[in-house]
Amino acid sequence: MIYYLSLLYNYSFIFLFSGNEEKPMLLSINPGLIIWQMIIFVLLLILLKKLAWKPLLSALHSREQSIKDAVEHAENLKKEAEDIMVQNKKILADANAQSMKVINEAKEMSNKIGEEIKAKATEDSRKLIEQAKQEIKKEKETAMDDLRHEVSDLAIKAAEKIINDNLDEAKQKKIVNDFIAQIPKN
């Protein structure tokens, strides 16, 4: 179509100048040429409006709409990403708070268990010491009883010897010293 319009324009140009034998100057004004150029220009505008203007405008509108949609979609994605970042930060903060809570509870529990172990160890050692003291006391009492029985038996035996040997004072001292020498030195 544009091809035919350009041919029409060229032939009209040739037609205008063919009747006149003299060559027009570059700056000379030719009213017929101006009228034909205006007619061809208006026809070209009408033809472009009918054939090309609507597709160009629709293409521009569709391109504009696709750009708007892309920008809107990008803004929505950006907003969603920001929301996800905020949620992630909140989740991370909650996780940190919970981990700190667990750590603090574990420290408190370990301190409590340590105190309980110390208290139990102290109580057990106190009981063991008390039990050992009681056993020592019993052993001492038993040893003292045994010693008393032993001493009383020895004293009775010594008295029997002295009574049986009605001896003089020197012999009695010798017997008592021998008796004392026989007693263990513990």
C-alpha atoms as a PDB file:
ATOM      1  CA  MET A   1       0.000   0.000   0.000  1.00  0.00           C
ATOM      2  CA  ILE A   2       2.773   2.375   0.904  1.00  0.00           C
ATOM      3  CA  TYR A   3       4.428   1.390  -2.339  1.00  0.00           C
ATOM      4  CA  TYR A   4       1.407   2.607  -4.310  1.00  0.00           C
ATOM      5  CA  LEU A   5       1.251   5.842  -2.374  1.00  0.00           C
ATOM      6  CA  SER A   6       4.870   6.588  -3.102  1.00  0.00           C
ATOM      7  CA  LEU A   7       4.286   5.835  -6.803  1.00  0.00           C
ATOM      8  CA  LEU A   8       1.300   8.160  -6.791  1.00  0.00           C
ATOM      9  CA  TYR A   9       3.362  10.865  -5.178  1.00  0.00           C
ATOM     10  CA  ASN A  10       6.190  10.464  -7.685  1.00  0.00           C
ATOM     11  CA  TYR A  11       3.887  10.428 -10.703  1.00  0.00           C
ATOM     12  CA  SER A  12       2.040  13.502  -9.443  1.00  0.00           C
ATOM     13  CA  PHE A  13       5.343  15.217  -9.065  1.00  0.00           C
ATOM     14  CA  ILE A  14       6.306  14.295 -12.632  1.00  0.00           C
ATOM     15  CA  PHE A  15       2.882  15.311 -13.912  1.00  0.00           C
ATOM     16  CA  LEU A  16       3.135  18.758 -12.327  1.00  0.00           C
ATOM     17  CA  PHE A  17       6.482  19.454 -13.842  1.00  0.00           C
ATOM     18  CA  SER A  18       5.953  17.906 -17.243  1.00  0.00           C
ATOM     19  CA  GLY A  19       3.712  20.687 -18.566  1.00  0.00           C
ATOM     20  CA  ASN A  20       6.229  23.340 -17.873  1.00  0.00           C
ATOM     21  CA  GLU A  21       9.429  23.371 -19.924  1.00  0.00           C
ATOM     22  CA  GLU A  22      11.453  25.381 -17.552  1.00  0.00           C
ATOM     23  CA  LYS A  23      12.987  23.815 -14.501  1.00  0.00           C
ATOM     24  CA  PRO A  24      11.727  25.136 -11.185  1.00  0.00           C
ATOM     25  CA  MET A  25      14.159  26.581  -8.825  1.00  0.00           C
ATOM     26  CA  LEU A  26      14.702  25.084  -5.468  1.00  0.00           C
ATOM     27  CA  LEU A  27      13.201  28.028  -3.674  1.00  0.00           C
ATOM     28  CA  SER A  28      10.495  28.854  -6.171  1.00  0.00           C
ATOM     29  CA  ILE A  29       6.910  28.462  -4.999  1.00  0.00           C
ATOM     30  CA  ASN A  30       4.641  26.325  -7.103  1.00  0.00           C
ATOM     31  CA  PRO A  31       1.053  26.380  -5.824  1.00  0.00           C
ATOM     32  CA  GLY A  32       0.014  23.233  -7.689  1.00  0.00           C
ATOM     33  CA  LEU A  33       2.862  21.298  -6.162  1.00  0.00           C
ATOM     34  CA  ILE A  34       1.967  22.528  -2.705  1.00  0.00           C
ATOM     35  CA  ILE A  35      -1.680  21.499  -3.154  1.00  0.00           C
ATOM     36  CA  TRP A  36      -0.709  18.028  -4.383  1.00  0.00           C
ATOM     37  CA  GLN A  37       1.733  17.580  -1.570  1.00  0.00           C
ATOM     38  CA  MET A  38      -0.956  18.532   0.950  1.00  0.00           C
ATOM     39  CA  ILE A  39      -3.473  16.193  -0.639  1.00  0.00           C
ATOM     40  CA  ILE A  40      -0.990  13.330  -0.655  1.00  0.00           C
ATOM     41  CA  PHE A  41       0.009  14.105   2.927  1.00  0.00           C
ATOM     42  CA  VAL A  42      -3.630  14.140   4.087  1.00  0.00           C
ATOM     43  CA  LEU A  43      -4.306  10.888   2.176  1.00  0.00           C
ATOM     44  CA  LEU A  44      -1.229   9.351   3.746  1.00  0.00           C
ATOM     45  CA  LEU A  45      -2.423  10.432   7.201  1.00  0.00           C
ATOM     46  CA  ILE A  46      -5.901   9.010   6.574  1.00  0.00           C
ATOM     47  CA  LEU A  47      -4.422   5.777   5.248  1.00  0.00           C
ATOM     48  CA  LEU A  48      -2.037   5.492   8.202  1.00  0.00           C
ATOM     49  CA  LYS A  49      -4.895   6.225  10.609  1.00  0.00           C
ATOM     50  CA  LYS A  50      -7.053   3.509   9.039  1.00  0.00           C
ATOM     51  CA  LEU A  51      -4.358   0.870   8.665  1.00  0.00           C
ATOM     52  CA  ALA A  52      -1.514   1.511  11.090  1.00  0.00           C
ATOM     53  CA  TRP A  53      -2.728   3.842  13.815  1.00  0.00           C
ATOM     54  CA  LYS A  54      -5.041   1.358  15.575  1.00  0.00           C
ATOM     55  CA  PRO A  55      -2.519  -1.535  15.578  1.00  0.00           C
ATOM     56  CA  LEU A  56       0.228   0.816  16.766  1.00  0.00           C
ATOM     57  CA  LEU A  57      -1.959   2.219  19.525  1.00  0.00           C
ATOM     58  CA  SER A  58      -3.171  -1.229  20.562  1.00  0.00           C
ATOM     59  CA  ALA A  59       0.424  -2.491  20.582  1.00  0.00           C
ATOM     60  CA  LEU A  60       1.474   0.527  22.658  1.00  0.00           C
ATOM     61  CA  HIS A  61      -1.469   0.044  25.033  1.00  0.00           C
ATOM     62  CA  SER A  62      -0.752  -3.672  25.399  1.00  0.00           C
ATOM     63  CA  ARG A  63       2.941  -2.939  25.950  1.00  0.00           C
ATOM     64  CA  GLU A  64       2.051  -0.254  28.495  1.00  0.00           C
ATOM     65  CA  GLN A  65      -0.350  -2.631  30.227  1.00  0.00           C
ATOM     66  CA  SER A  66       2.231  -5.449  30.298  1.00  0.00           C
ATOM     67  CA  ILE A  67       4.796  -3.053  31.771  1.00  0.00           C
ATOM     68  CA  LYS A  68       2.284  -1.900  34.392  1.00  0.00           C
ATOM     69  CA  ASP A  69       1.444  -5.526  35.207  1.00  0.00           C
ATOM     70  CA  ALA A  70       5.133  -6.419  35.449  1.00  0.00           C
ATOM     71  CA  VAL A  71       5.822  -3.447  37.734  1.00  0.00           C
ATOM     72  CA  GLU A  72       2.778  -4.297  39.859  1.00  0.00           C
ATOM     73  CA  HIS A  73       3.824  -7.939  40.004  1.00  0.00           C
ATOM     74  CA  ALA A  74       7.369  -6.917  40.984  1.00  0.00           C
ATOM     75  CA  GLU A  75       6.010  -4.636  43.706  1.00  0.00           C
ATOM     76  CA  ASN A  76       3.808  -7.467  44.999  1.00  0.00           C
ATOM     77  CA  LEU A  77       6.784  -9.824  45.012  1.00  0.00           C
ATOM     78  CA  LYS A  78       8.872  -7.207  46.792  1.00  0.00           C
ATOM     79  CA  LYS A  79       6.144  -6.718  49.381  1.00  0.00           C
ATOM     80  CA  GLU A  80       5.826 -10.489  49.869  1.00  0.00           C
ATOM     81  CA  ALA A  81       9.611 -10.779  50.215  1.00  0.00           C
ATOM     82  CA  GLU A  82       9.626  -8.009  52.827  1.00  0.00           C
ATOM     83  CA  ASP A  83       6.775  -9.744  54.684  1.00  0.00           C
ATOM     84  CA  ILE A  84       8.698 -13.024  54.591  1.00  0.00           C
ATOM     85  CA  MET A  85      11.832 -11.256  55.853  1.00  0.00           C
ATOM     86  CA  VAL A  86       9.842  -9.739  58.716  1.00  0.00           C
ATOM     87  CA  GLN A  87       8.380 -13.154  59.537  1.00  0.00           C
ATOM     88  CA  ASN A  88      11.834 -14.755  59.361  1.00  0.00           C
ATOM     89  CA  LYS A  89      13.246 -12.103  61.684  1.00  0.00           C
ATOM     90  CA  LYS A  90      10.364 -12.670  64.088  1.00  0.00           C
ATOM     91  CA  ILE A  91      10.842 -16.445  63.960  1.00  0.00           C
ATOM     92  CA  LEU A  92      14.584 -16.018  64.490  1.00  0.00           C
ATOM     93  CA  ALA A  93      13.995 -13.701  67.445  1.00  0.00           C
ATOM     94  CA  ASP A  94      11.507 -16.196  68.931  1.00  0.00           C
ATOM     95  CA  ALA A  95      13.984 -19.040  68.419  1.00  0.00           C
ATOM     96  CA  ASN A  96      16.739 -17.006  70.098  1.00  0.00           C
ATOM     97  CA  ALA A  97      14.432 -16.185  73.008  1.00  0.00           C
ATOM     98  CA  GLN A  98      13.443 -19.821  73.392  1.00  0.00           C
ATOM     99  CA  SER A  99      17.047 -21.010  73.211  1.00  0.00           C
ATOM    100  CA  MET A 100      18.051 -18.466  75.851  1.00  0.00           C
ATOM    101  CA  LYS A 101      15.130 -19.635  77.995  1.00  0.00           C
ATOM    102  CA  VAL A 102      16.205 -23.273  77.609  1.00  0.00           C
ATOM    103  CA  ILE A 103      19.821 -22.371  78.413  1.00  0.00           C
ATOM    104  CA  ASN A 104      18.770 -20.419  81.506  1.00  0.00           C
ATOM    105  CA  GLU A 105      16.500 -23.252  82.644  1.00  0.00           C
ATOM    106  CA  ALA A 106      19.335 -25.736  82.127  1.00  0.00           C
ATOM    107  CA  LYS A 107      21.699 -23.530  84.167  1.00  0.00           C
ATOM    108  CA  GLU A 108      19.134 -23.220  86.948  1.00  0.00           C
ATOM    109  CA  MET A 109      18.529 -26.958  86.877  1.00  0.00           C
ATOM    110  CA  SER A 110      22.257 -27.724  86.984  1.00  0.00           C
ATOM    111  CA  ASN A 111      22.706 -25.306  89.900  1.00  0.00           C
ATOM    112  CA  LYS A 112      19.769 -26.901  91.709  1.00  0.00           C
ATOM    113  CA  ILE A 113      21.094 -30.418  91.075  1.00  0.00           C
ATOM    114  CA  GLY A 114      24.583 -29.313  92.199  1.00  0.00           C
ATOM    115  CA  GLU A 115      23.146 -27.896  95.426  1.00  0.00           C
ATOM    116  CA  GLU A 116      21.126 -31.074  95.986  1.00  0.00           C
ATOM    117  CA  ILE A 117      24.221 -33.227  95.399  1.00  0.00           C
ATOM    118  CA  LYS A 118      26.252 -31.072  97.801  1.00  0.00           C
ATOM    119  CA  ALA A 119      23.515 -31.224 100.420  1.00  0.00           C
ATOM    120  CA  LYS A 120      23.183 -34.993 100.027  1.00  0.00           C
ATOM    121  CA  ALA A 121      26.962 -35.457 100.183  1.00  0.00           C
ATOM    122  CA  THR A 122      27.138 -33.291 103.295  1.00  0.00           C
ATOM    123  CA  GLU A 123      24.275 -35.216 104.879  1.00  0.00           C
ATOM    124  CA  ASP A 124      25.831 -38.571 103.923  1.00  0.00           C
ATOM    125  CA  SER A 125      29.232 -37.552 105.294  1.00  0.00           C
ATOM    126  CA  ARG A 126      27.586 -36.283 108.490  1.00  0.00           C
ATOM    127  CA  LYS A 127      25.743 -39.597 108.855  1.00  0.00           C
ATOM    128  CA  LEU A 128      28.945 -41.558 108.187  1.00  0.00           C
ATOM    129  CA  ILE A 129      30.852 -39.495 110.746  1.00  0.00           C
ATOM    130  CA  GLU A 130      28.052 -39.919 113.280  1.00  0.00           C
ATOM    131  CA  GLN A 131      27.929 -43.658 112.578  1.00  0.00           C
ATOM    132  CA  ALA A 132      31.708 -43.906 112.890  1.00  0.00           C
ATOM    133  CA  LYS A 133      31.604 -41.996 116.194  1.00  0.00           C
ATOM    134  CA  GLN A 134      28.921 -44.336 117.504  1.00  0.00           C
ATOM    135  CA  GLU A 135      30.905 -47.396 116.413  1.00  0.00           C
ATOM    136  CA  ILE A 136      34.056 -45.983 118.022  1.00  0.00           C
ATOM    137  CA  LYS A 137      32.071 -45.280 121.189  1.00  0.00           C
ATOM    138  CA  LYS A 138      30.665 -48.819 121.201  1.00  0.00           C
ATOM    139  CA  GLU A 139      34.102 -50.298 120.544  1.00  0.00           C
ATOM    140  CA  LYS A 140      35.562 -48.128 123.296  1.00  0.00           C
ATOM    141  CA  GLU A 141      32.827 -49.184 125.714  1.00  0.00           C
ATOM    142  CA  THR A 142      33.317 -52.816 124.712  1.00  0.00           C
ATOM    143  CA  ALA A 143      37.086 -52.486 125.135  1.00  0.00           C
ATOM    144  CA  MET A 144      36.598 -50.772 128.482  1.00  0.00           C
ATOM    145  CA  ASP A 145      34.211 -53.508 129.609  1.00  0.00           C
ATOM    146  CA  ASP A 146      36.682 -56.148 128.438  1.00  0.00           C
ATOM    147  CA  LEU A 147      39.483 -54.284 130.174  1.00  0.00           C
ATOM    148  CA  ARG A 148      37.431 -54.022 133.380  1.00  0.00           C
ATOM    149  CA  HIS A 149      36.649 -57.709 133.266  1.00  0.00           C
ATOM    150  CA  GLU A 150      40.275 -58.495 132.544  1.00  0.00           C
ATOM    151  CA  VAL A 151      41.505 -56.171 135.312  1.00  0.00           C
ATOM    152  CA  SER A 152      38.944 -57.502 137.735  1.00  0.00           C
ATOM    153  CA  ASP A 153      39.883 -61.080 136.839  1.00  0.00           C
ATOM    154  CA  LEU A 154      43.549 -60.239 137.261  1.00  0.00           C
ATOM    155  CA  ALA A 155      42.875 -58.413 140.482  1.00  0.00           C
ATOM    156  CA  ILE A 156      40.935 -61.384 141.776  1.00  0.00           C
ATOM    157  CA  LYS A 157      43.710 -63.729 140.725  1.00  0.00           C
ATOM    158  CA  ALA A 158      46.292 -61.448 142.312  1.00  0.00           C
ATOM    159  CA  ALA A 159      44.248 -61.212 145.462  1.00  0.00           C
ATOM    160  CA  GLU A 160      43.931 -64.978 145.506  1.00  0.00           C
ATOM    161  CA  LYS A 161      47.687 -65.306 145.163  1.00  0.00           C
ATOM    162  CA  ILE A 162      48.291 -62.761 147.876  1.00  0.00           C
ATOM    163  CA  ILE A 163      45.796 -64.394 150.139  1.00  0.00           C
ATOM    164  CA  ASN A 164      47.156 -67.814 149.334  1.00  0.00           C
ATOM    165  CA  ASP A 165      50.710 -66.704 149.786  1.00  0.00           C
ATOM    166  CA  ASN A 166      50.472 -64.816 152.923  1.00  0.00           C
ATOM    167  CA  LEU A 167      53.717 -63.201 152.296  1.00  0.00           C
ATOM    168  CA  ASP A 168      55.632 -60.357 153.620  1.00  0.00           C
ATOM    169  CA  GLU A 169      55.616 -56.867 152.292  1.00  0.00           C
ATOM    170  CA  ALA A 170      58.545 -57.293 149.904  1.00  0.00           C
ATOM    171  CA  LYS A 171      57.042 -60.327 148.303  1.00  0.00           C
ATOM    172  CA  GLN A 172      53.674 -58.558 147.944  1.00  0.00           C
ATOM    173  CA  LYS A 173      55.326 -55.620 146.169  1.00  0.00           C
ATOM    174  CA  LYS A 174      57.146 -57.993 143.875  1.00  0.00           C
ATOM    175  CA  ILE A 175      53.902 -59.819 143.017  1.00  0.00           C
ATOM    176  CA  VAL A 176      52.067 -56.516 142.302  1.00  0.00           C
ATOM    177  CA  ASN A 177      54.948 -55.304 140.114  1.00  0.00           C
ATOM    178  CA  ASP A 178      54.969 -58.581 138.207  1.00  0.00           C
ATOM    179  CA  PHE A 179      51.216 -58.319 137.830  1.00  0.00           C
ATOM    180  CA  ILE A 180      51.494 -54.756 136.485  1.00  0.00           C
ATOM    181  CA  ALA A 181      54.174 -55.865 134.056  1.00  0.00           C
ATOM    182  CA  GLN A 182      51.823 -58.496 132.682  1.00  0.00           C
ATOM    183  CA  ILE A 183      49.142 -55.874 131.831  1.00  0.00           C
ATOM    184  CA  PRO A 184      49.414 -54.793 128.165  1.00  0.00           C
ATOM    185  CA  LYS A 185      50.764 -51.251 127.715  1.00  0.00           C
ATOM    186  CA  ASN A 186      48.065 -50.078 125.299  1.00  0.00           C
END
